[in-house]
Each structure stands twice: as C-alpha cells, then as structure tokens.
Amino acid sequence: MRHFLEFERAIAELEGKIEELRHLATSSDLNIADEVGRLEAQANRLLRQTYARLTPWQKVLVARHPERPHCSDYIAALVTEFTPLAGDRAFGEDSAIVGGIGRFRGRSVVVLGTDKGSDTETRLKRNFGMARPEGYRKARRLMRLAERFGLPVVTFVDTAGAYPGIDAEARGQSEAIARAIETCLDIRVPLIATIIGEGGSGGAIALAAANAVLMLEHAVYSVISPEGCASILWRDAANAQDAAEALRLTAQDMLRIGVVDRVVPEPLGGAQRDPRTAMQQVGDAIEEALRPLAALDGQALRKQRRDKFLAMGPQAEG
C-alpha cells in the first residue's frame, strides 16, 4: 500500500476511489472504464499541480519519504559485479555507509553512499543513515583505494547528518568528517556525488566534495536540519517550516547559488512513485558528468575540484 504524505491527502482520496472502482469492476459485470479514466486524469492533474508548487518544507517531507529509493537500491540498479568492502582498519564496520567496487555501465568504479535502510531492521542496522567516525574513515580508505587503482568514485548521499552520540564524539567524529572532506578534495581521480534524499550537514559534505555534484529534483541539502535550526533560532522545533524556508535547501536553490552542478528531474510525484525511472535518470546524469572528467589527469581533477569549492563563497554572496 502506497504511503501518502499529509499534503497528498486529496490525491490519496482520488486514488483510493480509483482502486475501489477497479475492485468493483473485477467482481461484477459493471462497465466503469469511463469513470476510472476520468478519475485517473483528475488525479494526475492534481498530482502535477501539487508537485509544481511544493514549499521547501514539503520538499523536506518528500526527500524523507520512506519509499524513495535508497543508496543500496541505486547500487543494485546501476552497478554490476558489486563487491562490498567493510571496515576502517582501525575500529570497526559502520553499516550507515555502504561501499565497494563494481562496474558502472562497463567502467570499474568505487561506490560509496549513506543508506537510511528501508524497513525497521535495516534502519536500525544502518543507524538511519547517520554514520559514526569509523564510517567516514572507511570512506577515506575506499577513496584512497580508488586513487591507487585509478578508479572513479561515485557517491550517493542520503543522511540527516552524522551521528551525534557521545560514543561518536569520543572517537573523533568531527576529525573523521574533516579528514573525509580533505580526502575528497585531494584524490586524483574523478569524484561524482549525487544527493538522492537528504543532504544533511558535514555528514553529507564528507562524501560530496566532488568534481560534479548532482541533486535530485525533490532532494534537500542544508547545513542543519530544519528541526535543528528551529530549535536554535526559535527554541522550538515546531518552527521547522519557517526554518526550511530560511535555509534555502531545495535543489533549485542549490543550483542557483552554485552549490550543486545539476538538478536531475524526478518522475511525476517524486522518485518514490517510479523508482526505476528515477534511478535510470540518475545513472544517465552520472555517466554524462563522468565522461569529460575521465579525460583529465589527476592534477587537473584535483585543481578543478578545489577551485570549484573555493569559488562557492563569493557566488553565494552574489
């Protein structure tokens, strides 16, 4: 059964009526094709109108939709011969970050990403996509492995942020994130990052300081979650909608101020309604972004990446 968001209530009612009519048609001799067609056209029109004018807060809800494809889904759809690699060689394994080697459309790559999990069991296993220091150290290890063998790095970002627990802080969370960002900026192979859901704070940037940063149409990218921002500014998380407006966290905002390089369109109603098409479009965008980067040498790739991020401050201020 499809999960509907609060602002999709009218759409849910129409689609519910359509399902009832279809069930009635299979259990009787009534011909209701015309009525079903009329309701389907009405539902599609309402869906298009709703998603054409989403507020920033509604985009946050869509980005967090539990049925959106996750990092593991993108890897399964786009990467063949995937071999997962685990551990940071210092403390342990962190399942919030998925990583390994595989083939993306015939090209050997290293793949990394934050994964929130798709059900209760996997969400707990992956800590809802909030990585600990060992996760970022694993990411660094795999990026250096990619550099050693001359393999492009492809990352998928979907996290509310790094895990804020005491144990993570005790093991050097901020240092691990900073080192991961440093490694992103330093490696001499192409790095393509895609924000597929939430891009939260340093936990996202640790995998997204890339030569090309792609972002799905209804994804969000911000220095802090709207709830966290509201708790600081208004002392009340209930002001999250106001915070979402102020943070300029939508893909369209990010493209306008130069934080991301391309917005990847989603199927009507969001990636959760047609995951296969959404993942195919992301794959096409990654392939297109990777093609010119593959022709550059290591020093040029490193310089392009560093220059790009150094230029962001003046662009955002302008």
Protein backbone atom coordinates (compact mmCIF):
# COMPACT_ATOMS: atom_id res chain seq x y z
CA MET A 1 0.00 0.00 0.00
CA ARG A 2 1.41 3.37 -1.02
CA HIS A 3 2.44 5.80 1.72
CA PHE A 4 0.96 9.29 1.24
CA LEU A 5 2.27 12.49 2.78
CA GLU A 6 -0.02 14.92 4.59
CA PHE A 7 -0.20 17.37 1.67
CA GLU A 8 -1.12 14.48 -0.67
CA ARG A 9 -4.40 13.75 1.13
CA ALA A 10 -6.63 14.81 -1.78
CA ILE A 11 -4.56 12.70 -4.18
CA ALA A 12 -4.83 9.75 -1.80
CA GLU A 13 -8.62 10.05 -1.73
CA LEU A 14 -8.86 10.08 -5.52
CA GLU A 15 -6.52 7.11 -5.94
CA GLY A 16 -8.46 5.27 -3.24
CA LYS A 17 -11.69 5.76 -5.22
CA ILE A 18 -9.96 4.50 -8.37
CA GLU A 19 -8.84 1.34 -6.59
CA GLU A 20 -12.36 0.77 -5.23
CA LEU A 21 -13.85 1.11 -8.72
CA ARG A 22 -11.28 -1.27 -10.19
CA HIS A 23 -12.05 -3.82 -7.49
CA LEU A 24 -15.77 -3.40 -8.17
CA ALA A 25 -15.19 -3.91 -11.90
CA THR A 26 -13.40 -7.23 -11.34
CA SER A 27 -16.14 -8.52 -9.03
CA SER A 28 -19.14 -7.54 -11.18
CA ASP A 29 -20.24 -7.03 -14.78
CA LEU A 30 -20.33 -3.22 -14.48
CA ASN A 31 -18.50 -1.20 -17.12
CA ILE A 32 -16.89 1.70 -15.27
CA ALA A 33 -13.90 2.29 -17.53
CA ASP A 34 -15.02 5.82 -18.39
CA GLU A 35 -15.38 6.81 -14.73
CA VAL A 36 -11.98 5.30 -13.86
CA GLY A 37 -10.40 7.17 -16.76
CA ARG A 38 -11.97 10.43 -15.62
CA LEU A 39 -10.74 9.98 -12.06
CA GLU A 40 -7.24 8.99 -13.23
CA ALA A 41 -6.99 12.15 -15.33
CA GLN A 42 -8.18 14.19 -12.35
CA ALA A 43 -5.64 12.52 -10.02
CA ASN A 44 -2.77 13.07 -12.47
CA ARG A 45 -3.74 16.71 -12.89
CA LEU A 46 -3.88 17.22 -9.13
CA LEU A 47 -0.55 15.43 -8.68
CA ARG A 48 1.09 17.63 -11.29
CA GLN A 49 -0.33 20.81 -9.74
CA THR A 50 0.71 19.78 -6.23
CA TYR A 51 4.30 18.92 -7.13
CA ALA A 52 4.70 22.04 -9.26
CA ARG A 53 4.30 24.27 -6.21
CA LEU A 54 5.89 22.37 -3.31
CA THR A 55 7.06 24.51 -0.42
CA PRO A 56 10.59 23.95 0.97
CA TRP A 57 9.11 22.07 3.95
CA GLN A 58 7.07 19.82 1.66
CA LYS A 59 10.28 19.11 -0.28
CA VAL A 60 11.87 18.03 3.00
CA LEU A 61 8.98 15.60 3.54
CA VAL A 62 9.36 14.22 0.00
CA ALA A 63 13.14 13.85 0.46
CA ARG A 64 12.46 11.82 3.62
CA HIS A 65 9.73 9.68 2.05
CA PRO A 66 10.28 6.09 3.23
CA GLU A 67 9.56 4.68 -0.24
CA ARG A 68 12.20 6.73 -2.08
CA PRO A 69 14.99 4.53 -3.47
CA HIS A 70 17.95 4.31 -1.11
CA CYS A 71 21.68 4.07 -1.77
CA SER A 72 21.55 0.25 -1.85
CA ASP A 73 18.78 0.43 -4.45
CA TYR A 74 20.87 2.70 -6.69
CA ILE A 75 23.84 0.38 -6.37
CA ALA A 76 21.70 -2.64 -7.24
CA ALA A 77 20.19 -0.85 -10.26
CA LEU A 78 23.29 0.87 -11.64
CA VAL A 79 26.34 -1.12 -10.53
CA THR A 80 27.10 -4.65 -11.69
CA GLU A 81 29.56 -7.08 -10.11
CA PHE A 82 29.39 -5.06 -6.90
CA THR A 83 31.73 -6.30 -4.17
CA PRO A 84 31.11 -4.64 -0.79
CA LEU A 85 34.13 -3.67 1.30
CA ALA A 86 33.86 -3.19 5.06
CA GLY A 87 35.74 -1.69 7.98
CA ASP A 88 38.02 1.26 8.61
CA ARG A 89 41.04 -0.88 9.64
CA ALA A 90 41.10 0.98 12.96
CA PHE A 91 37.90 0.38 14.94
CA GLY A 92 35.18 -1.48 13.10
CA GLU A 93 32.46 -1.53 10.46
CA ASP A 94 29.76 1.14 10.14
CA SER A 95 26.76 -0.04 8.16
CA ALA A 96 25.42 3.51 7.73
CA ILE A 97 27.94 3.93 4.90
CA VAL A 98 27.85 1.38 2.09
CA GLY A 99 30.97 1.00 -0.03
CA GLY A 100 32.66 -1.28 -2.50
CA ILE A 101 33.94 -1.89 -6.02
CA GLY A 102 31.84 -2.62 -9.09
CA ARG A 103 31.15 -1.70 -12.70
CA PHE A 104 29.08 1.30 -13.68
CA ARG A 105 27.99 0.89 -17.32
CA GLY A 106 31.13 -1.07 -18.13
CA ARG A 107 33.55 1.17 -16.20
CA SER A 108 35.19 -0.02 -12.97
CA VAL A 109 34.35 2.34 -10.09
CA VAL A 110 34.42 2.64 -6.33
CA VAL A 111 30.92 3.31 -4.97
CA LEU A 112 30.12 4.92 -1.61
CA GLY A 113 26.93 6.13 -0.02
CA THR A 114 24.91 6.74 3.10
CA ASP A 115 21.90 4.44 3.42
CA LYS A 116 18.97 5.01 5.81
CA GLY A 117 17.54 1.50 5.42
CA SER A 118 14.15 0.54 4.05
CA ASP A 119 12.45 -1.22 7.00
CA THR A 120 12.78 -1.37 10.77
CA GLU A 121 15.52 -3.99 10.74
CA THR A 122 17.72 -2.27 8.15
CA ARG A 123 17.09 1.20 9.59
CA LEU A 124 18.40 0.06 12.95
CA LYS A 125 21.32 -1.75 11.32
CA ARG A 126 22.26 1.37 9.32
CA ASN A 127 21.54 3.76 12.21
CA PHE A 128 19.07 5.64 9.97
CA GLY A 129 21.93 6.68 7.70
CA MET A 130 23.80 8.57 10.43
CA ALA A 131 27.42 7.48 10.24
CA ARG A 132 29.93 7.26 13.08
CA PRO A 133 33.66 8.08 12.75
CA GLU A 134 34.52 4.59 11.52
CA GLY A 135 32.11 5.10 8.63
CA TYR A 136 33.91 8.22 7.43
CA ARG A 137 37.28 6.54 7.94
CA LYS A 138 36.06 3.64 5.84
CA ALA A 139 35.02 6.15 3.16
CA ARG A 140 38.52 7.68 3.25
CA ARG A 141 40.09 4.25 2.93
CA LEU A 142 38.00 3.37 -0.10
CA MET A 143 38.63 6.73 -1.78
CA ARG A 144 42.38 6.19 -1.38
CA LEU A 145 41.94 2.68 -2.76
CA ALA A 146 40.21 4.17 -5.79
CA GLU A 147 43.08 6.62 -6.23
CA ARG A 148 45.66 3.84 -6.05
CA PHE A 149 44.00 1.90 -8.85
CA GLY A 150 42.87 4.90 -10.90
CA LEU A 151 39.14 4.26 -10.44
CA PRO A 152 36.45 6.98 -10.45
CA VAL A 153 34.49 7.40 -7.22
CA VAL A 154 30.67 7.59 -7.33
CA THR A 155 28.82 8.56 -4.15
CA PHE A 156 25.13 8.63 -3.16
CA VAL A 157 24.17 10.90 -0.25
CA ASP A 158 21.07 10.47 1.89
CA THR A 159 21.58 11.36 5.54
CA ALA A 160 20.10 13.69 8.12
CA GLY A 161 23.69 14.20 9.32
CA ALA A 162 26.48 12.43 11.13
CA TYR A 163 25.56 10.52 14.30
CA PRO A 164 25.65 12.98 17.26
CA GLY A 165 26.04 10.39 20.03
CA ILE A 166 28.59 10.56 22.83
CA ASP A 167 30.38 7.43 21.58
CA ALA A 168 30.86 9.01 18.14
CA GLU A 169 32.20 12.22 19.65
CA ALA A 170 34.56 10.22 21.87
CA ARG A 171 36.01 8.50 18.80
CA GLY A 172 36.64 11.77 16.96
CA GLN A 173 33.54 12.45 14.85
CA SER A 174 34.49 15.96 13.75
CA GLU A 175 38.05 14.94 12.89
CA ALA A 176 36.80 11.97 10.86
CA ILE A 177 34.41 14.17 8.86
CA ALA A 178 37.09 16.81 8.26
CA ARG A 179 39.55 14.16 7.06
CA ALA A 180 36.93 12.69 4.74
CA ILE A 181 36.29 16.12 3.19
CA GLU A 182 40.05 16.61 2.87
CA THR A 183 40.35 13.27 1.09
CA CYS A 184 37.51 14.16 -1.29
CA LEU A 185 39.36 17.33 -2.24
CA ASP A 186 42.73 15.62 -2.52
CA ILE A 187 42.25 12.42 -4.52
CA ARG A 188 43.44 12.41 -8.12
CA VAL A 189 40.54 10.51 -9.69
CA PRO A 190 37.07 11.71 -10.80
CA LEU A 191 34.54 12.06 -7.98
CA ILE A 192 30.81 12.31 -8.77
CA ALA A 193 28.34 12.85 -5.90
CA THR A 194 24.54 12.66 -6.05
CA ILE A 195 22.20 13.94 -3.33
CA ILE A 196 19.36 11.42 -3.59
CA GLY A 197 17.35 12.40 -0.49
CA GLU A 198 18.59 14.43 2.46
CA GLY A 199 22.00 16.05 2.36
CA GLY A 200 22.49 16.94 5.99
CA SER A 201 25.43 18.97 7.31
CA GLY A 202 29.02 17.69 7.37
CA GLY A 203 27.74 14.14 7.28
CA ALA A 204 26.74 14.82 3.65
CA ILE A 205 29.67 17.01 2.62
CA ALA A 206 32.09 14.27 3.74
CA LEU A 207 31.01 12.32 0.64
CA ALA A 208 30.02 15.23 -1.60
CA ALA A 209 33.06 17.50 -2.05
CA ALA A 210 33.13 16.29 -5.64
CA ASN A 211 34.13 17.34 -9.15
CA ALA A 212 30.44 17.20 -10.07
CA VAL A 213 27.59 17.35 -7.55
CA LEU A 214 24.20 16.20 -8.81
CA MET A 215 20.95 16.57 -6.89
CA LEU A 216 17.55 15.05 -7.40
CA GLU A 217 14.72 17.48 -8.05
CA HIS A 218 12.99 16.94 -4.70
CA ALA A 219 16.10 16.30 -2.58
CA VAL A 220 17.30 18.80 0.04
CA TYR A 221 20.79 19.92 1.05
CA SER A 222 21.49 22.04 4.13
CA VAL A 223 23.96 22.82 6.90
CA ILE A 224 21.45 21.65 9.52
CA SER A 225 18.02 20.01 9.58
CA PRO A 226 15.01 22.37 9.69
CA GLU A 227 14.10 20.98 13.13
CA GLY A 228 17.62 21.59 14.45
CA CYS A 229 17.68 25.09 13.00
CA ALA A 230 14.28 25.90 14.53
CA SER A 231 15.42 24.62 17.93
CA ILE A 232 18.36 27.03 17.84
CA LEU A 233 16.70 30.12 16.37
CA TRP A 234 13.19 29.87 17.81
CA ARG A 235 13.85 27.47 20.70
CA ASP A 236 11.05 25.35 19.26
CA ALA A 237 11.28 22.57 16.65
CA ALA A 238 7.66 23.35 15.72
CA ASN A 239 9.04 26.23 13.63
CA ALA A 240 10.68 23.75 11.24
CA GLN A 241 8.62 25.01 8.30
CA ASP A 242 9.92 28.57 8.82
CA ALA A 243 13.46 27.20 9.12
CA ALA A 244 13.09 25.26 5.86
CA GLU A 245 12.13 28.50 4.10
CA ALA A 246 15.14 30.34 5.56
CA LEU A 247 17.70 27.62 4.86
CA ARG A 248 17.28 27.68 1.06
CA LEU A 249 17.73 23.93 1.00
CA THR A 250 15.93 22.93 -2.20
CA ALA A 251 17.69 21.63 -5.29
CA GLN A 252 16.63 24.74 -7.19
CA ASP A 253 18.19 26.99 -4.51
CA MET A 254 21.38 24.94 -4.50
CA LEU A 255 21.72 25.16 -8.28
CA ARG A 256 21.07 28.90 -8.30
CA ILE A 257 23.83 29.66 -5.75
CA GLY A 258 26.27 27.22 -7.32
CA VAL A 259 26.45 24.56 -4.61
CA VAL A 260 25.36 21.79 -7.00
CA ASP A 261 26.10 21.45 -10.69
CA ARG A 262 22.93 19.83 -11.99
CA VAL A 263 19.38 19.05 -10.87
CA VAL A 264 18.19 15.63 -12.03
CA PRO A 265 14.42 15.58 -12.79
CA GLU A 266 12.26 13.09 -10.92
CA PRO A 267 9.19 11.24 -12.21
CA LEU A 268 5.88 12.99 -11.58
CA GLY A 269 5.11 12.69 -7.88
CA GLY A 270 8.70 12.04 -6.85
CA ALA A 271 11.22 9.21 -7.13
CA GLN A 272 9.12 7.10 -4.75
CA ARG A 273 6.37 6.74 -7.38
CA ASP A 274 8.64 5.39 -10.09
CA PRO A 275 11.99 4.32 -8.60
CA ARG A 276 13.19 2.53 -11.74
CA THR A 277 12.84 5.64 -13.92
CA ALA A 278 14.39 7.85 -11.22
CA MET A 279 17.43 5.59 -10.88
CA GLN A 280 17.82 5.37 -14.65
CA GLN A 281 17.83 9.17 -14.90
CA VAL A 282 20.42 9.42 -12.15
CA GLY A 283 22.58 6.85 -13.96
CA ASP A 284 22.36 8.87 -17.18
CA ALA A 285 23.35 12.05 -15.33
CA ILE A 286 26.33 10.36 -13.67
CA GLU A 287 27.52 8.95 -16.98
CA GLU A 288 27.23 12.37 -18.61
CA ALA A 289 29.14 14.05 -15.76
CA LEU A 290 31.85 11.39 -15.69
CA ARG A 291 32.62 11.44 -19.42
CA PRO A 292 34.56 14.77 -19.57
CA LEU A 293 36.24 14.16 -16.20
CA ALA A 294 37.66 10.83 -17.37
CA ALA A 295 39.78 12.71 -19.92
CA LEU A 296 41.55 14.85 -17.26
CA ASP A 297 44.74 13.86 -15.46
CA GLY A 298 44.94 13.59 -11.68
CA GLN A 299 46.41 17.01 -11.06
CA ALA A 300 43.78 18.71 -13.23
CA LEU A 301 40.96 16.83 -11.45
CA ARG A 302 42.28 17.86 -8.05
CA LYS A 303 42.66 21.51 -9.10
CA GLN A 304 39.20 21.65 -10.70
CA ARG A 305 37.62 20.29 -7.52
CA ARG A 306 39.46 22.65 -5.20
CA ASP A 307 38.87 25.72 -7.36
CA LYS A 308 35.19 24.89 -7.58
CA PHE A 309 34.70 24.83 -3.81
CA LEU A 310 36.91 27.87 -3.18
CA ALA A 311 34.69 29.85 -5.56
CA MET A 312 31.44 28.98 -3.74
CA GLY A 313 31.57 31.71 -1.09
CA PRO A 314 31.63 34.68 -3.49
CA GLN A 315 28.98 33.02 -5.69
CA ALA A 316 26.61 32.51 -2.73
CA GLU A 317 27.13 36.10 -1.54
CA GLY A 318 26.42 37.45 -5.02
